[in-house]
Amino acid sequence: MNKKKKDMPEIHKIEDTEEIVEDLNEEKSEEVPEEKGMETLKKEIDTLKAEVDRLKNEYARAYADTENMQRRLRNEADMAKKYRIQSFALEVLPALDNLERALSQECAKEAEGYRKGVEMIYAQLTKALKDEGVEEIDVLNKPFDANTSQAIMLEKKEGVESGIVTDVLQKGYMLKDRILRAAMVKVSE
């Protein structure tokens, strides 16, 4: 029984406990005067406010960066969709040129069936390209524009003022609002 008494902590009377609490309060008030405690708290509050402002600023920047990235990716996707046919159209244009050359030739009566087939292929191909936004650039008998045409030759022509396209050697094409291939032209002097 004696052993158990030694292991148990001492129990104070209630009066003794109140005195201990009062002593602790006095020690606390002696360590940090009330004004110094308020100043410390104000400094800590100011530090925390500055940290909150910094974090808000970082959040706003991160949000703006995310919005800008989304907008840029959306624009890139729109451009890719809008001009997806560009490389294909560039490869098909020489075939279209060859079909035009074939159609410009005179043919014998017995080759009319072949000519009709070539005309149908040409019409289907031009329609498919037009449906995708590929259109011929009309430059004949208009003032020369270096943005849409490439002058290959200059020629003097009676009754035509200088700088007018007199002949188209190779047609030019646009894909929506972008030059796909410039026209090769003769220009009057």
Protein backbone atom coordinates (compact mmCIF):
# COMPACT_ATOMS: atom_id res chain seq x y z
CA MET A 1 0.00 0.00 0.00
CA ASN A 2 2.82 2.31 0.77
CA LYS A 3 4.29 1.72 -2.64
CA LYS A 4 1.09 2.95 -4.37
CA LYS A 5 1.11 6.11 -2.33
CA LYS A 6 4.62 6.95 -3.47
CA ASP A 7 3.75 6.53 -7.19
CA MET A 8 0.69 8.78 -7.06
CA PRO A 9 1.17 12.49 -7.58
CA GLU A 10 0.51 14.80 -4.74
CA ILE A 11 -2.96 16.25 -4.63
CA HIS A 12 -3.17 19.86 -3.64
CA LYS A 13 -6.00 21.51 -2.01
CA ILE A 14 -8.16 23.78 -4.13
CA GLU A 15 -6.76 26.79 -2.34
CA ASP A 16 -3.22 25.74 -3.26
CA THR A 17 -4.23 25.36 -6.96
CA GLU A 18 -5.67 28.87 -7.08
CA GLU A 19 -2.43 30.24 -5.70
CA ILE A 20 -0.43 28.40 -8.38
CA VAL A 21 -2.62 29.85 -11.18
CA GLU A 22 -2.22 33.34 -9.76
CA ASP A 23 1.55 32.86 -9.59
CA LEU A 24 1.63 31.74 -13.26
CA ASN A 25 -0.43 34.75 -14.36
CA GLU A 26 1.91 37.08 -12.54
CA GLU A 27 4.96 35.45 -14.12
CA LYS A 28 3.38 35.74 -17.57
CA SER A 29 2.55 39.40 -17.13
CA GLU A 30 6.07 40.07 -15.88
CA GLU A 31 7.65 38.37 -18.92
CA VAL A 32 5.78 40.32 -21.67
CA PRO A 33 4.21 43.65 -20.88
CA GLU A 34 0.82 44.09 -22.48
CA GLU A 35 2.03 46.80 -24.91
CA LYS A 36 4.87 44.66 -26.18
CA GLY A 37 2.47 41.76 -26.71
CA MET A 38 0.15 43.98 -28.76
CA GLU A 39 3.04 45.25 -30.87
CA THR A 40 4.18 41.71 -31.53
CA LEU A 41 0.65 40.71 -32.51
CA LYS A 42 0.32 43.76 -34.81
CA LYS A 43 3.62 42.91 -36.50
CA GLU A 44 2.51 39.33 -36.93
CA ILE A 45 -0.83 40.50 -38.37
CA ASP A 46 0.97 42.84 -40.79
CA THR A 47 3.29 40.02 -41.83
CA LEU A 48 0.34 37.71 -42.41
CA LYS A 49 -1.52 40.40 -44.39
CA ALA A 50 1.55 40.90 -46.59
CA GLU A 51 1.75 37.14 -47.12
CA VAL A 52 -1.95 37.00 -48.05
CA ASP A 53 -1.48 39.86 -50.53
CA ARG A 54 1.54 38.10 -52.07
CA LEU A 55 -0.40 34.84 -52.38
CA LYS A 56 -3.41 36.64 -53.92
CA ASN A 57 -1.07 38.23 -56.46
CA GLU A 58 0.51 34.86 -57.30
CA TYR A 59 -2.95 33.32 -57.64
CA ALA A 60 -4.08 36.10 -59.98
CA ARG A 61 -0.98 35.65 -62.14
CA ALA A 62 -1.40 31.87 -62.26
CA TYR A 63 -5.07 32.30 -63.18
CA ALA A 64 -4.19 34.80 -65.93
CA ASP A 65 -1.47 32.48 -67.27
CA THR A 66 -3.94 29.61 -67.38
CA GLU A 67 -6.53 31.73 -69.20
CA ASN A 68 -3.91 32.92 -71.70
CA MET A 69 -2.74 29.36 -72.32
CA GLN A 70 -6.31 28.16 -72.87
CA ARG A 71 -6.96 31.03 -75.30
CA ARG A 72 -3.70 30.35 -77.18
CA LEU A 73 -4.44 26.61 -77.42
CA ARG A 74 -7.99 27.34 -78.60
CA ASN A 75 -6.63 29.73 -81.29
CA GLU A 76 -4.03 27.18 -82.40
CA ALA A 77 -6.70 24.49 -82.65
CA ASP A 78 -8.94 26.83 -84.67
CA MET A 79 -6.07 27.68 -87.02
CA ALA A 80 -5.13 24.02 -87.43
CA LYS A 81 -8.76 23.19 -88.23
CA LYS A 82 -9.13 26.15 -90.60
CA TYR A 83 -5.97 25.36 -92.59
CA ARG A 84 -5.87 21.56 -92.22
CA ILE A 85 -6.13 21.07 -95.99
CA GLN A 86 -3.25 23.39 -96.90
CA SER A 87 -0.53 20.78 -97.48
CA PHE A 88 -2.93 18.49 -99.35
CA ALA A 89 -4.13 21.33 -101.58
CA LEU A 90 -0.54 22.32 -102.41
CA GLU A 91 0.12 18.77 -103.59
CA VAL A 92 -3.10 18.59 -105.63
CA LEU A 93 -2.69 21.93 -107.45
CA PRO A 94 -0.13 20.59 -109.98
CA ALA A 95 -2.57 17.80 -110.89
CA LEU A 96 -5.27 20.44 -111.35
CA ASP A 97 -2.90 22.41 -113.61
CA ASN A 98 -2.26 19.29 -115.70
CA LEU A 99 -5.98 18.64 -116.04
CA GLU A 100 -6.44 22.24 -117.28
CA ARG A 101 -3.65 21.75 -119.82
CA ALA A 102 -5.26 18.53 -121.03
CA LEU A 103 -8.62 20.27 -121.42
CA SER A 104 -7.10 23.18 -123.34
CA GLN A 105 -5.88 20.84 -126.11
CA GLU A 106 -7.92 20.01 -129.17
CA CYS A 107 -8.81 16.36 -129.44
CA ALA A 108 -10.05 14.04 -132.15
CA LYS A 109 -13.70 13.06 -132.29
CA GLU A 110 -12.97 9.53 -131.06
CA ALA A 111 -11.25 10.96 -127.92
CA GLU A 112 -14.33 12.92 -126.84
CA GLY A 113 -15.19 10.26 -124.23
CA TYR A 114 -11.79 10.70 -122.62
CA ARG A 115 -12.17 14.46 -122.72
CA LYS A 116 -15.57 14.20 -121.03
CA GLY A 117 -14.02 12.00 -118.28
CA VAL A 118 -11.21 14.50 -117.73
CA GLU A 119 -13.76 17.34 -117.52
CA MET A 120 -15.72 15.42 -114.89
CA ILE A 121 -12.57 14.74 -112.82
CA TYR A 122 -11.57 18.40 -113.13
CA ALA A 123 -15.03 19.57 -112.03
CA GLN A 124 -15.09 17.21 -109.03
CA LEU A 125 -11.61 18.21 -107.95
CA THR A 126 -12.28 21.95 -108.21
CA LYS A 127 -15.57 21.54 -106.33
CA ALA A 128 -13.90 19.56 -103.53
CA LEU A 129 -11.17 22.21 -103.18
CA LYS A 130 -13.74 25.02 -103.27
CA ASP A 131 -15.78 23.30 -100.54
CA GLU A 132 -12.64 23.34 -98.36
CA GLY A 133 -12.05 27.06 -99.00
CA VAL A 134 -9.51 26.87 -101.85
CA GLU A 135 -10.34 29.47 -104.49
CA GLU A 136 -8.65 30.72 -107.62
CA ILE A 137 -7.17 34.23 -107.46
CA ASP A 138 -8.62 36.36 -110.27
CA VAL A 139 -5.77 38.59 -111.51
CA LEU A 140 -6.26 38.78 -115.30
CA ASN A 141 -6.70 42.36 -116.64
CA LYS A 142 -6.25 43.81 -113.15
CA PRO A 143 -3.42 45.90 -111.72
CA PHE A 144 -0.42 43.79 -110.70
CA ASP A 145 -0.39 43.00 -106.96
CA ALA A 146 2.86 41.51 -105.63
CA ASN A 147 0.96 39.99 -102.70
CA THR A 148 -1.08 37.68 -104.94
CA SER A 149 1.01 37.42 -108.11
CA GLN A 150 4.55 36.80 -109.25
CA ALA A 151 5.58 38.67 -112.40
CA ILE A 152 7.50 36.32 -114.69
CA MET A 153 7.57 38.48 -117.82
CA LEU A 154 7.07 42.08 -118.89
CA GLU A 155 5.61 42.83 -122.32
CA LYS A 156 4.63 45.91 -124.25
CA LYS A 157 1.03 45.75 -125.34
CA GLU A 158 -0.83 48.41 -127.32
CA GLY A 159 -3.86 49.92 -125.59
CA VAL A 160 -2.99 48.53 -122.15
CA GLU A 161 -1.65 50.80 -119.45
CA SER A 162 1.47 49.91 -117.51
CA GLY A 163 1.25 47.51 -114.54
CA ILE A 164 -1.78 45.52 -115.76
CA VAL A 165 -1.72 41.71 -115.80
CA THR A 166 -2.03 40.69 -119.44
CA ASP A 167 -1.69 36.90 -119.19
CA VAL A 168 -1.81 34.24 -116.49
CA LEU A 169 0.85 31.57 -116.99
CA GLN A 170 -0.10 29.61 -113.86
CA LYS A 171 -3.18 30.23 -111.74
CA GLY A 172 -2.84 31.35 -108.16
CA TYR A 173 -4.95 30.05 -105.30
CA MET A 174 -6.00 31.18 -101.84
CA LEU A 175 -7.03 29.07 -98.88
CA LYS A 176 -9.64 31.15 -97.07
CA ASP A 177 -7.65 34.33 -96.28
CA ARG A 178 -4.15 32.91 -96.88
CA ILE A 179 -2.23 32.81 -100.17
CA LEU A 180 -1.73 29.16 -101.04
CA ARG A 181 0.13 29.76 -104.31
CA ALA A 182 0.83 33.07 -106.05
CA ALA A 183 -0.21 33.41 -109.68
CA MET A 184 2.59 33.54 -112.30
CA VAL A 185 1.74 36.33 -114.70
CA LYS A 186 2.84 38.57 -117.59
CA VAL A 187 2.59 42.26 -116.81
CA SER A 188 2.37 45.17 -119.27
CA GLU A 189 5.19 47.72 -119.35
